[in-house]
Amino acid sequence: MRIQKSTDKEYFGRKGLFRADSNIEKSKGFMGGGNKMMDKAGNKVLTPNLTPHETGIGNWTEAEFARTITNGINKDMNPVTYPMPLYPELTETEISAIFAYLQSIPPIKNEVKKK
């Protein structure tokens, strides 16, 4: 399957990265993180800021992003935790497209506190 452009949400949806019919661009603040989720133990965890702001992934390299989503080791060399799934099967082309898409969304200043 070939990615046609970095914003090919249908393709990303088939990969399970997010629902193809979602409209995250219109979900104010969603990609800016701080959304409440539950970990495997039922504890509240907050989603990270995935926007290109410095409080998100704005100062990440594509290689750091790739390592995070494929190997589970983030920019600070810390392991990512549930509910963040890993995608070791992604190709470099797919990772580049995802990273380009995330760099194209509006930056949101939101420093999400970690436990």
Protein backbone atom coordinates (compact mmCIF):
# COMPACT_ATOMS: atom_id res chain seq x y z
CA MET A 1 0.00 0.00 0.00
CA ARG A 2 1.37 3.39 -0.95
CA ILE A 3 0.97 6.58 1.02
CA GLN A 4 -0.24 9.30 -1.30
CA LYS A 5 0.42 12.24 0.99
CA SER A 6 1.30 12.90 4.61
CA THR A 7 -2.33 13.63 5.46
CA ASP A 8 -3.75 10.39 4.03
CA LYS A 9 -6.00 9.68 7.03
CA GLU A 10 -7.65 6.70 5.32
CA TYR A 11 -4.24 5.02 5.05
CA PHE A 12 -3.36 5.84 8.65
CA GLY A 13 -6.74 4.51 9.72
CA ARG A 14 -6.08 1.16 8.03
CA LYS A 15 -2.80 1.00 9.95
CA GLY A 16 -4.73 1.51 13.19
CA LEU A 17 -3.00 4.80 13.97
CA PHE A 18 -6.31 6.60 14.29
CA ARG A 19 -9.80 6.20 12.91
CA ALA A 20 -9.96 7.05 9.24
CA ASP A 21 -13.28 8.80 9.77
CA SER A 22 -12.03 10.90 12.68
CA ASN A 23 -11.75 14.62 12.28
CA ILE A 24 -8.95 15.39 14.71
CA GLU A 25 -8.22 18.68 13.00
CA LYS A 26 -11.57 19.97 14.28
CA SER A 27 -11.25 18.42 17.75
CA LYS A 28 -9.96 21.54 19.46
CA GLY A 29 -6.91 20.76 21.53
CA PHE A 30 -7.05 16.97 21.14
CA MET A 31 -3.57 16.59 19.68
CA GLY A 32 -2.25 19.00 22.33
CA GLY A 33 -2.41 16.24 24.92
CA GLY A 34 -3.69 16.17 28.46
CA ASN A 35 -6.57 13.88 27.51
CA LYS A 36 -7.50 11.49 30.33
CA MET A 37 -7.04 7.78 29.70
CA MET A 38 -6.59 4.75 31.93
CA ASP A 39 -3.50 2.58 32.18
CA LYS A 40 -3.67 -1.21 32.58
CA ALA A 41 -4.00 -0.85 36.36
CA GLY A 42 -6.91 1.58 36.00
CA ASN A 43 -4.88 4.65 36.96
CA LYS A 44 -5.50 7.94 35.18
CA VAL A 45 -2.82 8.88 32.67
CA LEU A 46 -2.64 11.90 30.40
CA THR A 47 -1.92 11.74 26.70
CA PRO A 48 1.17 13.56 25.41
CA ASN A 49 1.21 16.69 23.29
CA LEU A 50 1.78 15.54 19.70
CA THR A 51 1.78 18.98 18.11
CA PRO A 52 4.85 20.75 16.70
CA HIS A 53 5.03 23.09 19.70
CA GLU A 54 8.16 22.90 21.89
CA THR A 55 5.92 21.54 24.70
CA GLY A 56 5.03 18.69 22.35
CA ILE A 57 7.20 17.11 19.67
CA GLY A 58 8.26 20.40 18.11
CA ASN A 59 11.93 19.89 18.95
CA TRP A 60 12.02 16.16 18.14
CA THR A 61 13.89 14.79 15.17
CA GLU A 62 12.27 12.29 12.87
CA ALA A 63 14.72 9.66 14.16
CA GLU A 64 13.63 10.30 17.77
CA PHE A 65 9.99 10.05 16.72
CA ALA A 66 10.69 6.81 14.83
CA ARG A 67 12.44 5.25 17.83
CA THR A 68 9.52 6.22 20.06
CA ILE A 69 6.75 4.68 17.97
CA THR A 70 8.66 1.59 16.87
CA ASN A 71 10.83 0.74 19.90
CA GLY A 72 9.06 2.54 22.74
CA ILE A 73 12.00 4.72 23.79
CA ASN A 74 11.23 8.45 23.74
CA LYS A 75 13.40 11.50 23.06
CA ASP A 76 14.61 11.52 26.68
CA MET A 77 15.52 7.82 26.43
CA ASN A 78 12.65 6.84 28.73
CA PRO A 79 10.27 4.00 27.90
CA VAL A 80 6.79 4.91 26.72
CA THR A 81 3.99 3.26 28.63
CA TYR A 82 0.50 1.94 28.04
CA PRO A 83 -1.82 3.09 26.51
CA MET A 84 0.75 4.13 23.86
CA PRO A 85 0.90 1.25 21.38
CA LEU A 86 4.08 0.47 19.48
CA TYR A 87 4.24 0.05 15.71
CA PRO A 88 7.44 -1.88 14.92
CA GLU A 89 6.02 -2.92 11.53
CA LEU A 90 5.98 0.63 10.14
CA THR A 91 8.31 1.37 7.27
CA GLU A 92 10.56 4.43 7.12
CA THR A 93 8.23 5.89 4.50
CA GLU A 94 5.22 5.45 6.77
CA ILE A 95 7.04 6.94 9.75
CA SER A 96 8.12 9.92 7.64
CA ALA A 97 4.54 10.49 6.51
CA ILE A 98 3.19 10.35 10.07
CA PHE A 99 5.89 12.70 11.32
CA ALA A 100 5.21 15.11 8.43
CA TYR A 101 1.50 15.04 9.24
CA LEU A 102 2.11 15.79 12.93
CA GLN A 103 4.43 18.64 11.95
CA SER A 104 1.66 20.08 9.76
CA ILE A 105 -1.00 20.45 12.47
CA PRO A 106 -1.31 23.67 14.46
CA PRO A 107 1.09 23.85 17.43
CA ILE A 108 -0.54 23.89 20.86
CA LYS A 109 1.27 25.13 23.94
CA ASN A 110 0.46 22.53 26.58
CA GLU A 111 3.08 21.12 28.93
CA VAL A 112 1.59 17.78 29.98
CA LYS A 113 2.89 16.86 33.44
CA LYS A 114 4.25 13.37 33.87
CA LYS A 115 3.82 11.39 37.05
